[in-house]
Amino acid sequence: MLGMNGIQIGTDEAPFVIAEVGINAGDDLELAKRFIEVAANAGADAVKFQTHLPGEEMVAEEMEKIGAGEVYEDVSGSSFSRGEHRALQSHCKRTGVEYLSTPFSVEAVDWLEELDVSAIKIGSGELTNYHLLGRAAEVGVPLLVSTGMSDYETISDTVDFLRERGAEFSLLYCVSEYPTDPEDFQIDTIREMKSRYNVPVGFSDHSKGVEASVIAMARGADFVEKHFTIDRRLPGPDQEVSIDPEQLETLGNYAELIDSTRGHEKFITEEETDVKAWARHSVVLKHDVENGQKLTENDLTTKRPGTGVSADRFYEVVGRVVNANLPSGAVLREDDLADE
């Protein structure tokens, strides 16, 4: 179980839904606030942003050399100031959702510590950044650690690193493709990660739609993170993999349904009791029988409703004696049988 500002995330709790705004709102503070309001109205539990300080997290010239210069450009046009992040955090509080953010540099972690955040999301690209992870662990809040682009050996090394520093953390199963093809998911990895690391495990979903997240929650994901937008016509590379408000509401509804349908106890509901009266079968006579006659298997069949001697006692009734003349088709009652 992972505790976050009074929120419990784990196997016995309803799946926690994180709406990832990321850079979909650009650097427009008022638009970002609108994202928060819409996500809250759609039922999100948390709204997540990204804390970018481009010069601290990337070497622009080297990014350009490997053909990733647009990443630096996108981030540079989608960065909020320290004060703006505080305003977003306050707006989340006012609308009743948790504020989360992903730092991409140690300096960004410092900002989030100043905000007194309840948790820090660690992106898949930072899973092996022990410099950043070590600083994040020092903050003393839970870390939500994505595992895209990593195998179990890499994940295990990071888990060991975090445990050595006493960090409280969870993991997220993630495939870092944008968008992710459904056949590239291995959803049962969530259960395997729970078994291996004994921590809550979520699902960071970069596919289109909500279907993969619903499957993941049904198979044990303790929380899900989905990119979210209020308008796919807005600029930004993540719009394609982002769900809209209606889909976010659907995702939240499924989270509630999955929680309400959990349980291992098999019991009969009140409605089932009514159904049982007509759906179960009774022992029924195939033809007329006379008082004192011993019943054979050929004398008997089973038919609905289940208001007589239950069909599960069919072979107990064989060899019993009836104490009255009974017509063909009669539903056999207990008092039709002589005492043994």
C-alpha atoms as a PDB file:
ATOM      1  CA  MET A   1       0.000   0.000   0.000  1.00  0.00           C
ATOM      2  CA  LEU A   2       1.217   3.479  -0.853  1.00  0.00           C
ATOM      3  CA  GLY A   3       0.025   6.542   1.039  1.00  0.00           C
ATOM      4  CA  MET A   4      -0.229   9.897  -0.708  1.00  0.00           C
ATOM      5  CA  ASN A   5      -1.760  12.873   1.092  1.00  0.00           C
ATOM      6  CA  GLY A   6      -4.321  10.663   2.802  1.00  0.00           C
ATOM      7  CA  ILE A   7      -4.956   8.682  -0.395  1.00  0.00           C
ATOM      8  CA  GLN A   8      -4.257   4.971  -0.294  1.00  0.00           C
ATOM      9  CA  ILE A   9      -3.131   3.213  -3.463  1.00  0.00           C
ATOM     10  CA  GLY A  10      -2.973  -0.559  -3.483  1.00  0.00           C
ATOM     11  CA  THR A  11      -4.677  -3.868  -4.113  1.00  0.00           C
ATOM     12  CA  ASP A  12      -7.567  -3.311  -1.713  1.00  0.00           C
ATOM     13  CA  GLU A  13      -8.391   0.174  -3.006  1.00  0.00           C
ATOM     14  CA  ALA A  14     -10.250   1.397  -6.068  1.00  0.00           C
ATOM     15  CA  PRO A  15      -7.884   1.943  -9.014  1.00  0.00           C
ATOM     16  CA  PHE A  16      -6.530   5.498  -8.920  1.00  0.00           C
ATOM     17  CA  VAL A  17      -6.948   7.466 -12.169  1.00  0.00           C
ATOM     18  CA  ILE A  18      -4.319  10.026 -13.179  1.00  0.00           C
ATOM     19  CA  ALA A  19      -5.105  12.436 -16.025  1.00  0.00           C
ATOM     20  CA  GLU A  20      -1.769  13.335 -17.599  1.00  0.00           C
ATOM     21  CA  VAL A  21      -1.908  16.846 -19.020  1.00  0.00           C
ATOM     22  CA  GLY A  22       1.829  16.773 -19.643  1.00  0.00           C
ATOM     23  CA  ILE A  23       2.593  19.395 -22.254  1.00  0.00           C
ATOM     24  CA  ASN A  24      -0.858  19.386 -23.881  1.00  0.00           C
ATOM     25  CA  ALA A  25      -1.655  22.827 -22.456  1.00  0.00           C
ATOM     26  CA  GLY A  26       1.598  24.326 -23.725  1.00  0.00           C
ATOM     27  CA  ASP A  27       2.673  27.225 -21.521  1.00  0.00           C
ATOM     28  CA  ASP A  28      -0.836  28.660 -21.190  1.00  0.00           C
ATOM     29  CA  LEU A  29      -1.622  28.808 -17.479  1.00  0.00           C
ATOM     30  CA  GLU A  30      -5.319  29.575 -17.888  1.00  0.00           C
ATOM     31  CA  LEU A  31      -5.711  26.741 -20.377  1.00  0.00           C
ATOM     32  CA  ALA A  32      -3.939  24.416 -17.958  1.00  0.00           C
ATOM     33  CA  LYS A  33      -6.393  25.430 -15.234  1.00  0.00           C
ATOM     34  CA  ARG A  34      -9.231  24.590 -17.597  1.00  0.00           C
ATOM     35  CA  PHE A  35      -7.676  21.160 -18.114  1.00  0.00           C
ATOM     36  CA  ILE A  36      -7.765  20.655 -14.344  1.00  0.00           C
ATOM     37  CA  GLU A  37     -11.420  21.650 -14.091  1.00  0.00           C
ATOM     38  CA  VAL A  38     -12.519  19.388 -16.928  1.00  0.00           C
ATOM     39  CA  ALA A  39     -10.497  16.451 -15.616  1.00  0.00           C
ATOM     40  CA  ALA A  40     -11.965  16.899 -12.140  1.00  0.00           C
ATOM     41  CA  ASN A  41     -15.497  17.019 -13.547  1.00  0.00           C
ATOM     42  CA  ALA A  42     -14.770  13.846 -15.521  1.00  0.00           C
ATOM     43  CA  GLY A  43     -13.813  12.019 -12.328  1.00  0.00           C
ATOM     44  CA  ALA A  44     -10.022  12.005 -12.375  1.00  0.00           C
ATOM     45  CA  ASP A  45      -8.337  11.434  -9.023  1.00  0.00           C
ATOM     46  CA  ALA A  46      -5.197  13.370  -9.952  1.00  0.00           C
ATOM     47  CA  VAL A  47      -4.005  15.703 -12.683  1.00  0.00           C
ATOM     48  CA  LYS A  48      -0.368  15.442 -13.664  1.00  0.00           C
ATOM     49  CA  PHE A  49       1.893  17.987 -15.301  1.00  0.00           C
ATOM     50  CA  GLN A  50       5.573  17.990 -16.229  1.00  0.00           C
ATOM     51  CA  THR A  51       8.177  20.213 -14.633  1.00  0.00           C
ATOM     52  CA  HIS A  52      10.537  21.237 -17.415  1.00  0.00           C
ATOM     53  CA  LEU A  53      13.660  23.323 -17.129  1.00  0.00           C
ATOM     54  CA  PRO A  54      14.938  22.712 -20.671  1.00  0.00           C
ATOM     55  CA  GLY A  55      18.478  23.906 -20.134  1.00  0.00           C
ATOM     56  CA  GLU A  56      18.874  21.739 -17.040  1.00  0.00           C
ATOM     57  CA  GLU A  57      17.495  18.548 -18.580  1.00  0.00           C
ATOM     58  CA  MET A  58      18.863  18.557 -22.143  1.00  0.00           C
ATOM     59  CA  VAL A  59      21.947  19.492 -24.115  1.00  0.00           C
ATOM     60  CA  ALA A  60      20.240  21.110 -27.075  1.00  0.00           C
ATOM     61  CA  GLU A  61      23.104  20.601 -29.534  1.00  0.00           C
ATOM     62  CA  GLU A  62      23.367  16.899 -28.772  1.00  0.00           C
ATOM     63  CA  MET A  63      19.602  16.421 -29.045  1.00  0.00           C
ATOM     64  CA  GLU A  64      19.806  18.053 -32.485  1.00  0.00           C
ATOM     65  CA  LYS A  65      22.609  15.722 -33.554  1.00  0.00           C
ATOM     66  CA  ILE A  66      20.507  12.614 -32.934  1.00  0.00           C
ATOM     67  CA  GLY A  67      17.474  14.044 -34.679  1.00  0.00           C
ATOM     68  CA  ALA A  68      15.563  14.865 -31.498  1.00  0.00           C
ATOM     69  CA  GLY A  69      15.825  18.620 -31.657  1.00  0.00           C
ATOM     70  CA  GLU A  70      12.041  18.953 -31.772  1.00  0.00           C
ATOM     71  CA  VAL A  71      11.866  17.483 -28.255  1.00  0.00           C
ATOM     72  CA  TYR A  72      13.859  20.423 -26.926  1.00  0.00           C
ATOM     73  CA  GLU A  73      11.641  22.814 -28.889  1.00  0.00           C
ATOM     74  CA  ASP A  74       8.407  21.205 -27.652  1.00  0.00           C
ATOM     75  CA  VAL A  75       9.571  21.326 -24.047  1.00  0.00           C
ATOM     76  CA  SER A  76      10.792  24.882 -24.320  1.00  0.00           C
ATOM     77  CA  GLY A  77       7.340  25.960 -25.470  1.00  0.00           C
ATOM     78  CA  SER A  78       5.553  24.021 -22.746  1.00  0.00           C
ATOM     79  CA  SER A  79       7.285  25.071 -19.547  1.00  0.00           C
ATOM     80  CA  PHE A  80       5.657  26.664 -16.538  1.00  0.00           C
ATOM     81  CA  SER A  81       7.483  28.798 -14.013  1.00  0.00           C
ATOM     82  CA  ARG A  82       7.823  27.890 -10.374  1.00  0.00           C
ATOM     83  CA  GLY A  83       5.002  30.277  -9.478  1.00  0.00           C
ATOM     84  CA  GLU A  84       2.794  28.874 -12.214  1.00  0.00           C
ATOM     85  CA  HIS A  85       3.273  25.340 -10.914  1.00  0.00           C
ATOM     86  CA  ARG A  86       2.221  26.596  -7.497  1.00  0.00           C
ATOM     87  CA  ALA A  87      -0.876  28.126  -9.082  1.00  0.00           C
ATOM     88  CA  LEU A  88      -1.668  24.822 -10.784  1.00  0.00           C
ATOM     89  CA  GLN A  89      -1.235  22.976  -7.512  1.00  0.00           C
ATOM     90  CA  SER A  90      -3.604  25.400  -5.774  1.00  0.00           C
ATOM     91  CA  HIS A  91      -6.146  25.059  -8.561  1.00  0.00           C
ATOM     92  CA  CYS A  92      -6.012  21.262  -8.238  1.00  0.00           C
ATOM     93  CA  LYS A  93      -6.705  21.591  -4.531  1.00  0.00           C
ATOM     94  CA  ARG A  94      -9.670  23.889  -5.158  1.00  0.00           C
ATOM     95  CA  THR A  95     -11.187  21.480  -7.680  1.00  0.00           C
ATOM     96  CA  GLY A  96     -10.675  18.403  -5.516  1.00  0.00           C
ATOM     97  CA  VAL A  97      -7.975  16.542  -7.425  1.00  0.00           C
ATOM     98  CA  GLU A  98      -4.388  15.723  -6.514  1.00  0.00           C
ATOM     99  CA  TYR A  99      -1.607  17.680  -8.198  1.00  0.00           C
ATOM    100  CA  LEU A 100       1.255  15.598  -9.565  1.00  0.00           C
ATOM    101  CA  SER A 101       4.201  16.428 -11.774  1.00  0.00           C
ATOM    102  CA  THR A 102       7.150  14.712 -13.423  1.00  0.00           C
ATOM    103  CA  PRO A 103      10.579  16.348 -13.014  1.00  0.00           C
ATOM    104  CA  PHE A 104      13.224  15.846 -15.693  1.00  0.00           C
ATOM    105  CA  SER A 105      16.152  17.331 -13.815  1.00  0.00           C
ATOM    106  CA  VAL A 106      17.444  17.539 -10.271  1.00  0.00           C
ATOM    107  CA  GLU A 107      16.604  21.230 -10.283  1.00  0.00           C
ATOM    108  CA  ALA A 108      13.004  20.374 -11.139  1.00  0.00           C
ATOM    109  CA  VAL A 109      12.926  18.015  -8.154  1.00  0.00           C
ATOM    110  CA  ASP A 110      14.008  20.973  -6.023  1.00  0.00           C
ATOM    111  CA  TRP A 111      11.016  22.930  -7.298  1.00  0.00           C
ATOM    112  CA  LEU A 112       8.618  20.132  -6.434  1.00  0.00           C
ATOM    113  CA  GLU A 113      10.098  19.823  -2.961  1.00  0.00           C
ATOM    114  CA  GLU A 114       9.449  23.548  -2.436  1.00  0.00           C
ATOM    115  CA  LEU A 115       5.838  22.955  -3.473  1.00  0.00           C
ATOM    116  CA  ASP A 116       5.558  20.293  -0.766  1.00  0.00           C
ATOM    117  CA  VAL A 117       4.052  17.852  -3.265  1.00  0.00           C
ATOM    118  CA  SER A 118       2.394  14.653  -2.028  1.00  0.00           C
ATOM    119  CA  ALA A 119       4.239  12.434  -4.511  1.00  0.00           C
ATOM    120  CA  ILE A 120       6.647  12.654  -7.428  1.00  0.00           C
ATOM    121  CA  LYS A 121       6.174  10.887 -10.744  1.00  0.00           C
ATOM    122  CA  ILE A 122       9.382   9.526 -12.247  1.00  0.00           C
ATOM    123  CA  GLY A 123       9.291   9.143 -16.015  1.00  0.00           C
ATOM    124  CA  SER A 124      10.633   6.089 -17.814  1.00  0.00           C
ATOM    125  CA  GLY A 125      13.585   8.067 -19.141  1.00  0.00           C
ATOM    126  CA  GLU A 126      14.693   8.769 -15.576  1.00  0.00           C
ATOM    127  CA  LEU A 127      14.524   5.144 -14.368  1.00  0.00           C
ATOM    128  CA  THR A 128      18.299   4.880 -14.710  1.00  0.00           C
ATOM    129  CA  ASN A 129      19.086   8.468 -13.700  1.00  0.00           C
ATOM    130  CA  TYR A 130      20.368   7.700 -10.218  1.00  0.00           C
ATOM    131  CA  HIS A 131      21.366  11.347  -9.758  1.00  0.00           C
ATOM    132  CA  LEU A 132      17.735  12.423 -10.105  1.00  0.00           C
ATOM    133  CA  LEU A 133      16.366   9.356  -8.287  1.00  0.00           C
ATOM    134  CA  GLY A 134      18.666   9.941  -5.336  1.00  0.00           C
ATOM    135  CA  ARG A 135      17.522  13.539  -5.035  1.00  0.00           C
ATOM    136  CA  ALA A 136      13.877  12.529  -5.375  1.00  0.00           C
ATOM    137  CA  ALA A 137      14.298   9.937  -2.647  1.00  0.00           C
ATOM    138  CA  GLU A 138      15.613  12.672  -0.342  1.00  0.00           C
ATOM    139  CA  VAL A 139      12.334  14.585  -0.649  1.00  0.00           C
ATOM    140  CA  GLY A 140      10.657  11.873   1.420  1.00  0.00           C
ATOM    141  CA  VAL A 141       7.417  11.533  -0.546  1.00  0.00           C
ATOM    142  CA  PRO A 142       6.243   8.492  -2.511  1.00  0.00           C
ATOM    143  CA  LEU A 143       7.707   8.040  -5.979  1.00  0.00           C
ATOM    144  CA  LEU A 144       5.630   6.708  -8.870  1.00  0.00           C
ATOM    145  CA  VAL A 145       8.257   5.162 -11.125  1.00  0.00           C
ATOM    146  CA  SER A 146       7.573   4.294 -14.777  1.00  0.00           C
ATOM    147  CA  THR A 147       9.477   1.391 -16.321  1.00  0.00           C
ATOM    148  CA  GLY A 148       9.241   1.892 -20.093  1.00  0.00           C
ATOM    149  CA  MET A 149      12.315   0.945 -22.179  1.00  0.00           C
ATOM    150  CA  SER A 150      13.560  -1.291 -19.345  1.00  0.00           C
ATOM    151  CA  ASP A 151      13.855  -5.008 -18.664  1.00  0.00           C
ATOM    152  CA  TYR A 152      13.563  -6.726 -15.298  1.00  0.00           C
ATOM    153  CA  GLU A 153      17.292  -6.492 -14.641  1.00  0.00           C
ATOM    154  CA  THR A 154      17.242  -2.716 -15.055  1.00  0.00           C
ATOM    155  CA  ILE A 155      14.078  -2.367 -12.985  1.00  0.00           C
ATOM    156  CA  SER A 156      15.545  -4.524 -10.223  1.00  0.00           C
ATOM    157  CA  ASP A 157      18.683  -2.388 -10.074  1.00  0.00           C
ATOM    158  CA  THR A 158      16.560   0.744  -9.639  1.00  0.00           C
ATOM    159  CA  VAL A 159      14.372  -0.958  -7.017  1.00  0.00           C
ATOM    160  CA  ASP A 160      17.510  -1.878  -5.065  1.00  0.00           C
ATOM    161  CA  PHE A 161      18.814   1.687  -5.372  1.00  0.00           C
ATOM    162  CA  LEU A 162      15.557   3.151  -4.041  1.00  0.00           C
ATOM    163  CA  ARG A 163      15.283   0.643  -1.199  1.00  0.00           C
ATOM    164  CA  GLU A 164      18.836   1.353  -0.098  1.00  0.00           C
ATOM    165  CA  ARG A 165      17.734   4.967   0.335  1.00  0.00           C
ATOM    166  CA  GLY A 166      14.566   4.118   2.203  1.00  0.00           C
ATOM    167  CA  ALA A 167      12.296   5.490  -0.521  1.00  0.00           C
ATOM    168  CA  GLU A 168       8.600   4.666  -0.608  1.00  0.00           C
ATOM    169  CA  PHE A 169       7.683   3.937  -4.200  1.00  0.00           C
ATOM    170  CA  SER A 170       5.427   2.199  -6.652  1.00  0.00           C
ATOM    171  CA  LEU A 171       6.099   1.098 -10.208  1.00  0.00           C
ATOM    172  CA  LEU A 172       4.199   1.577 -13.440  1.00  0.00           C
ATOM    173  CA  TYR A 173       4.227  -0.903 -16.295  1.00  0.00           C
ATOM    174  CA  CYS A 174       4.813   1.140 -19.433  1.00  0.00           C
ATOM    175  CA  VAL A 175       5.631   0.692 -23.105  1.00  0.00           C
ATOM    176  CA  SER A 176       7.294   3.856 -24.401  1.00  0.00           C
ATOM    177  CA  GLU A 177       5.757   3.865 -27.868  1.00  0.00           C
ATOM    178  CA  TYR A 178       3.533   6.756 -28.967  1.00  0.00           C
ATOM    179  CA  PRO A 179       0.988   5.419 -29.665  1.00  0.00           C
ATOM    180  CA  THR A 180       1.448   1.875 -28.369  1.00  0.00           C
ATOM    181  CA  ASP A 181       0.007  -0.896 -30.516  1.00  0.00           C
ATOM    182  CA  PRO A 182      -2.198  -3.175 -28.369  1.00  0.00           C
ATOM    183  CA  GLU A 183      -0.229  -6.276 -29.372  1.00  0.00           C
ATOM    184  CA  ASP A 184       2.909  -4.723 -27.886  1.00  0.00           C
ATOM    185  CA  PHE A 185       1.441  -4.801 -24.383  1.00  0.00           C
ATOM    186  CA  GLN A 186       2.168  -7.640 -21.986  1.00  0.00           C
ATOM    187  CA  ILE A 187      -0.443  -6.725 -19.381  1.00  0.00           C
ATOM    188  CA  ASP A 188       0.294  -9.676 -17.088  1.00  0.00           C
ATOM    189  CA  THR A 189       3.630  -7.971 -16.447  1.00  0.00           C
ATOM    190  CA  ILE A 190       1.704  -5.971 -13.843  1.00  0.00           C
ATOM    191  CA  ARG A 191       1.063  -9.071 -11.731  1.00  0.00           C
ATOM    192  CA  GLU A 192       4.612 -10.262 -12.250  1.00  0.00           C
ATOM    193  CA  MET A 193       6.026  -6.928 -11.081  1.00  0.00           C
ATOM    194  CA  LYS A 194       3.803  -7.038  -8.008  1.00  0.00           C
ATOM    195  CA  SER A 195       5.080 -10.503  -7.198  1.00  0.00           C
ATOM    196  CA  ARG A 196       8.742  -9.643  -7.789  1.00  0.00           C
ATOM    197  CA  TYR A 197       8.885  -6.289  -6.006  1.00  0.00           C
ATOM    198  CA  ASN A 198       5.986  -6.344  -3.524  1.00  0.00           C
ATOM    199  CA  VAL A 199       4.921  -2.767  -4.256  1.00  0.00           C
ATOM    200  CA  PRO A 200       1.792  -1.253  -5.819  1.00  0.00           C
ATOM    201  CA  VAL A 201       1.995  -1.372  -9.606  1.00  0.00           C
ATOM    202  CA  GLY A 202       0.193   0.916 -12.016  1.00  0.00           C
ATOM    203  CA  PHE A 203      -0.091   1.250 -15.771  1.00  0.00           C
ATOM    204  CA  SER A 204       1.165   4.184 -17.818  1.00  0.00           C
ATOM    205  CA  ASP A 205      -0.844   3.795 -21.004  1.00  0.00           C
ATOM    206  CA  HIS A 206       0.252   5.369 -24.286  1.00  0.00           C
ATOM    207  CA  SER A 207      -2.250   3.571 -26.483  1.00  0.00           C
ATOM    208  CA  LYS A 208      -5.278   5.171 -28.076  1.00  0.00           C
ATOM    209  CA  GLY A 209      -8.565   4.852 -26.198  1.00  0.00           C
ATOM    210  CA  VAL A 210      -9.160   3.435 -22.737  1.00  0.00           C
ATOM    211  CA  GLU A 211      -9.460  -0.274 -23.512  1.00  0.00           C
ATOM    212  CA  ALA A 212      -5.910  -1.207 -22.499  1.00  0.00           C
ATOM    213  CA  SER A 213      -6.249   0.678 -19.196  1.00  0.00           C
ATOM    214  CA  VAL A 214      -9.537  -1.058 -18.415  1.00  0.00           C
ATOM    215  CA  ILE A 215      -7.942  -4.450 -19.064  1.00  0.00           C
ATOM    216  CA  ALA A 216      -4.957  -3.480 -16.913  1.00  0.00           C
ATOM    217  CA  MET A 217      -7.169  -2.437 -13.996  1.00  0.00           C
ATOM    218  CA  ALA A 218      -9.142  -5.670 -14.282  1.00  0.00           C
ATOM    219  CA  ARG A 219      -5.862  -7.600 -14.164  1.00  0.00           C
ATOM    220  CA  GLY A 220      -4.600  -5.848 -11.066  1.00  0.00           C
ATOM    221  CA  ALA A 221      -3.266  -2.389 -11.916  1.00  0.00           C
ATOM    222  CA  ASP A 222      -3.547  -0.286  -8.768  1.00  0.00           C
ATOM    223  CA  PHE A 223      -3.586   2.962 -10.745  1.00  0.00           C
ATOM    224  CA  VAL A 224      -3.557   4.114 -14.343  1.00  0.00           C
ATOM    225  CA  GLU A 225      -2.074   7.148 -16.025  1.00  0.00           C
ATOM    226  CA  LYS A 226      -3.472   8.385 -19.347  1.00  0.00           C
ATOM    227  CA  HIS A 227      -2.583  11.418 -21.407  1.00  0.00           C
ATOM    228  CA  PHE A 228      -5.585  13.741 -21.406  1.00  0.00           C
ATOM    229  CA  THR A 229      -6.729  16.620 -23.577  1.00  0.00           C
ATOM    230  CA  ILE A 230      -9.753  18.852 -23.821  1.00  0.00           C
ATOM    231  CA  ASP A 231      -9.228  19.381 -27.562  1.00  0.00           C
ATOM    232  CA  ARG A 232      -7.083  17.251 -29.887  1.00  0.00           C
ATOM    233  CA  ARG A 233      -6.746  20.235 -32.226  1.00  0.00           C
ATOM    234  CA  LEU A 234      -4.405  21.856 -29.719  1.00  0.00           C
ATOM    235  CA  PRO A 235      -0.706  21.739 -30.670  1.00  0.00           C
ATOM    236  CA  GLY A 236       1.641  19.191 -29.179  1.00  0.00           C
ATOM    237  CA  PRO A 237       2.979  15.698 -29.935  1.00  0.00           C
ATOM    238  CA  ASP A 238       0.896  13.934 -27.251  1.00  0.00           C
ATOM    239  CA  GLN A 239      -2.550  14.881 -28.543  1.00  0.00           C
ATOM    240  CA  GLU A 240      -2.770  11.681 -30.612  1.00  0.00           C
ATOM    241  CA  VAL A 241      -2.449   9.402 -27.576  1.00  0.00           C
ATOM    242  CA  SER A 242      -4.610  11.565 -25.320  1.00  0.00           C
ATOM    243  CA  ILE A 243      -8.139  10.696 -24.267  1.00  0.00           C
ATOM    244  CA  ASP A 244     -10.932  13.261 -24.186  1.00  0.00           C
ATOM    245  CA  PRO A 245     -13.192  14.159 -21.230  1.00  0.00           C
ATOM    246  CA  GLU A 246     -15.843  11.598 -22.158  1.00  0.00           C
ATOM    247  CA  GLN A 247     -13.255   8.827 -22.342  1.00  0.00           C
ATOM    248  CA  LEU A 248     -11.752   9.951 -19.036  1.00  0.00           C
ATOM    249  CA  GLU A 249     -15.180   9.706 -17.435  1.00  0.00           C
ATOM    250  CA  THR A 250     -15.590   6.230 -18.912  1.00  0.00           C
ATOM    251  CA  LEU A 251     -12.234   5.217 -17.471  1.00  0.00           C
ATOM    252  CA  GLY A 252     -13.239   6.464 -14.028  1.00  0.00           C
ATOM    253  CA  ASN A 253     -16.537   4.607 -14.220  1.00  0.00           C
ATOM    254  CA  TYR A 254     -14.714   1.395 -15.038  1.00  0.00           C
ATOM    255  CA  ALA A 255     -12.356   1.960 -12.101  1.00  0.00           C
ATOM    256  CA  GLU A 256     -15.382   2.171  -9.795  1.00  0.00           C
ATOM    257  CA  LEU A 257     -16.976  -0.894 -11.390  1.00  0.00           C
ATOM    258  CA  ILE A 258     -13.805  -2.935 -11.053  1.00  0.00           C
ATOM    259  CA  ASP A 259     -13.555  -1.974  -7.400  1.00  0.00           C
ATOM    260  CA  SER A 260     -17.183  -2.847  -6.677  1.00  0.00           C
ATOM    261  CA  THR A 261     -16.916  -6.243  -8.368  1.00  0.00           C
ATOM    262  CA  ARG A 262     -13.851  -7.392  -6.447  1.00  0.00           C
ATOM    263  CA  GLY A 263     -14.097 -10.161  -3.887  1.00  0.00           C
ATOM    264  CA  HIS A 264     -13.571 -13.878  -3.421  1.00  0.00           C
ATOM    265  CA  GLU A 265     -16.575 -14.869  -1.340  1.00  0.00           C
ATOM    266  CA  LYS A 266     -19.264 -16.736  -3.303  1.00  0.00           C
ATOM    267  CA  PHE A 267     -22.650 -15.937  -1.829  1.00  0.00           C
ATOM    268  CA  ILE A 268     -26.252 -15.915  -3.054  1.00  0.00           C
ATOM    269  CA  THR A 269     -27.710 -12.473  -3.639  1.00  0.00           C
ATOM    270  CA  GLU A 270     -31.293 -11.601  -2.804  1.00  0.00           C
ATOM    271  CA  GLU A 271     -32.126 -11.409  -6.494  1.00  0.00           C
ATOM    272  CA  GLU A 272     -30.560 -14.825  -7.081  1.00  0.00           C
ATOM    273  CA  THR A 273     -32.844 -16.315  -4.438  1.00  0.00           C
ATOM    274  CA  ASP A 274     -35.854 -15.277  -6.483  1.00  0.00           C
ATOM    275  CA  VAL A 275     -34.328 -16.670  -9.663  1.00  0.00           C
ATOM    276  CA  LYS A 276     -33.393 -19.903  -7.927  1.00  0.00           C
ATOM    277  CA  ALA A 277     -37.067 -20.705  -7.236  1.00  0.00           C
ATOM    278  CA  TRP A 278     -37.810 -21.112 -10.944  1.00  0.00           C
ATOM    279  CA  ALA A 279     -34.371 -21.816 -12.415  1.00  0.00           C
ATOM    280  CA  ARG A 280     -33.530 -24.852 -10.275  1.00  0.00           C
ATOM    281  CA  HIS A 281     -35.062 -28.271 -10.960  1.00  0.00           C
ATOM    282  CA  SER A 282     -37.162 -30.611  -8.833  1.00  0.00           C
ATOM    283  CA  VAL A 283     -37.689 -34.375  -8.994  1.00  0.00           C
ATOM    284  CA  VAL A 284     -40.846 -35.001 -11.094  1.00  0.00           C
ATOM    285  CA  LEU A 285     -42.858 -38.158 -11.798  1.00  0.00           C
ATOM    286  CA  LYS A 286     -42.717 -39.437 -15.378  1.00  0.00           C
ATOM    287  CA  HIS A 287     -46.011 -41.335 -14.983  1.00  0.00           C
ATOM    288  CA  ASP A 288     -48.699 -42.210 -12.433  1.00  0.00           C
ATOM    289  CA  VAL A 289     -47.578 -44.044  -9.302  1.00  0.00           C
ATOM    290  CA  GLU A 290     -49.596 -45.754  -6.592  1.00  0.00           C
ATOM    291  CA  ASN A 291     -49.491 -45.513  -2.814  1.00  0.00           C
ATOM    292  CA  GLY A 292     -46.798 -47.840  -1.485  1.00  0.00           C
ATOM    293  CA  GLN A 293     -44.938 -48.078  -4.775  1.00  0.00           C
ATOM    294  CA  LYS A 294     -41.131 -48.082  -4.662  1.00  0.00           C
ATOM    295  CA  LEU A 295     -39.732 -45.555  -7.072  1.00  0.00           C
ATOM    296  CA  THR A 296     -37.256 -46.560  -9.758  1.00  0.00           C
ATOM    297  CA  GLU A 297     -35.089 -44.373 -11.938  1.00  0.00           C
ATOM    298  CA  ASN A 298     -37.526 -44.981 -14.798  1.00  0.00           C
ATOM    299  CA  ASP A 299     -40.310 -43.406 -12.725  1.00  0.00           C
ATOM    300  CA  LEU A 300     -38.500 -40.124 -12.341  1.00  0.00           C
ATOM    301  CA  THR A 301     -37.168 -37.123 -14.210  1.00  0.00           C
ATOM    302  CA  THR A 302     -36.199 -33.552 -13.267  1.00  0.00           C
ATOM    303  CA  LYS A 303     -37.947 -30.347 -14.317  1.00  0.00           C
ATOM    304  CA  ARG A 304     -38.354 -26.742 -13.280  1.00  0.00           C
ATOM    305  CA  PRO A 305     -39.334 -25.097 -10.953  1.00  0.00           C
ATOM    306  CA  GLY A 306     -37.217 -25.938  -7.940  1.00  0.00           C
ATOM    307  CA  THR A 307     -40.129 -25.937  -5.512  1.00  0.00           C
ATOM    308  CA  GLY A 308     -40.139 -29.656  -4.752  1.00  0.00           C
ATOM    309  CA  VAL A 309     -37.533 -32.246  -3.782  1.00  0.00           C
ATOM    310  CA  SER A 310     -34.313 -30.772  -5.188  1.00  0.00           C
ATOM    311  CA  ALA A 311     -32.845 -32.352  -8.309  1.00  0.00           C
ATOM    312  CA  ASP A 312     -29.566 -32.903  -6.510  1.00  0.00           C
ATOM    313  CA  ARG A 313     -31.400 -35.576  -4.468  1.00  0.00           C
ATOM    314  CA  PHE A 314     -32.528 -37.499  -7.558  1.00  0.00           C
ATOM    315  CA  TYR A 315     -30.555 -40.608  -6.710  1.00  0.00           C
ATOM    316  CA  GLU A 316     -31.603 -40.436  -3.051  1.00  0.00           C
ATOM    317  CA  VAL A 317     -35.247 -40.625  -4.147  1.00  0.00           C
ATOM    318  CA  VAL A 318     -34.646 -43.736  -6.250  1.00  0.00           C
ATOM    319  CA  GLY A 319     -35.748 -46.689  -4.071  1.00  0.00           C
ATOM    320  CA  ARG A 320     -37.948 -44.613  -1.796  1.00  0.00           C
ATOM    321  CA  VAL A 321     -41.647 -45.467  -1.301  1.00  0.00           C
ATOM    322  CA  VAL A 322     -44.471 -43.012  -1.987  1.00  0.00           C
ATOM    323  CA  ASN A 323     -47.297 -42.702   0.554  1.00  0.00           C
ATOM    324  CA  ALA A 324     -50.054 -41.557  -1.846  1.00  0.00           C
ATOM    325  CA  ASN A 325     -51.392 -42.025  -5.349  1.00  0.00           C
ATOM    326  CA  LEU A 326     -49.601 -39.406  -7.488  1.00  0.00           C
ATOM    327  CA  PRO A 327     -50.199 -38.395 -11.112  1.00  0.00           C
ATOM    328  CA  SER A 328     -47.706 -38.155 -13.943  1.00  0.00           C
ATOM    329  CA  GLY A 329     -45.952 -34.773 -13.951  1.00  0.00           C
ATOM    330  CA  ALA A 330     -46.341 -34.243 -10.219  1.00  0.00           C
ATOM    331  CA  VAL A 331     -43.540 -32.275  -8.593  1.00  0.00           C
ATOM    332  CA  LEU A 332     -42.441 -34.594  -5.810  1.00  0.00           C
ATOM    333  CA  ARG A 333     -42.662 -33.156  -2.275  1.00  0.00           C
ATOM    334  CA  GLU A 334     -40.925 -34.352   0.813  1.00  0.00           C
ATOM    335  CA  ASP A 335     -44.223 -35.370   2.420  1.00  0.00           C
ATOM    336  CA  ASP A 336     -45.006 -37.574  -0.626  1.00  0.00           C
ATOM    337  CA  LEU A 337     -42.265 -39.946   0.530  1.00  0.00           C
ATOM    338  CA  ALA A 338     -42.750 -42.530   3.294  1.00  0.00           C
ATOM    339  CA  ASP A 339     -40.378 -42.406   6.219  1.00  0.00           C
ATOM    340  CA  GLU A 340     -37.405 -44.665   5.743  1.00  0.00           C
END
